[in-house]
Amino acid sequence: MKHAVAPANVADLPSWLEIARQVEPLFGAMAMFDVTLRAKITQGEALCVRDAGGRVIGGLLLGGEQPDLWIRWLAVRRAARGRGIGSALVSEAIRRLDAKGSLSLITFGADNFEGAPARRLYVRLGFLPGPMQPRGPEGGTRQLFRLVRM
């Protein structure tokens, strides 16, 4: 099923914050996430997929500048996982990448069972694992993944 990825708007804030609360045990505390989200919406760097009722079921925050972009945050509502929403969001981020550039992100280490679907998604879309990063705020391992176009 094809999911429509669209820019987020301020009216989406409550449903984004519901998703953030769902993933907080996995991501760690996200202090001031609402402030960051508002800024990313204003900058056009917040993408989302909405359900038929207009509620956000998946969101992605971009960062960096061309030619080197970053996925700063990606999450899908628990009840909507496994339906290709994350893939649609990451594919849109890749589509925005210049012909010669990179798209990077930091995701869960291989030892994190709940992070395995995200790792599989990134590999399937052409990202390569890079060096390990400092542990996340919840104490879990993190690893850099990168997609490079030359």
Foldseek 3Di string as FASTA:
>chain_A
DAFDKDQDDPVQLVLVVVQCVVCCLVQPDDPPVSVVVNVQSVVSQKMFTADPVRHTQKIWGKDDDPQEIETEDITGHPVPPPPCRRVNHVVVVVVPHDQFHKYKYKFFDPVDPVRVVVVVSLVVVAWDWDDKDDAGNSRTTITMIMHGHD
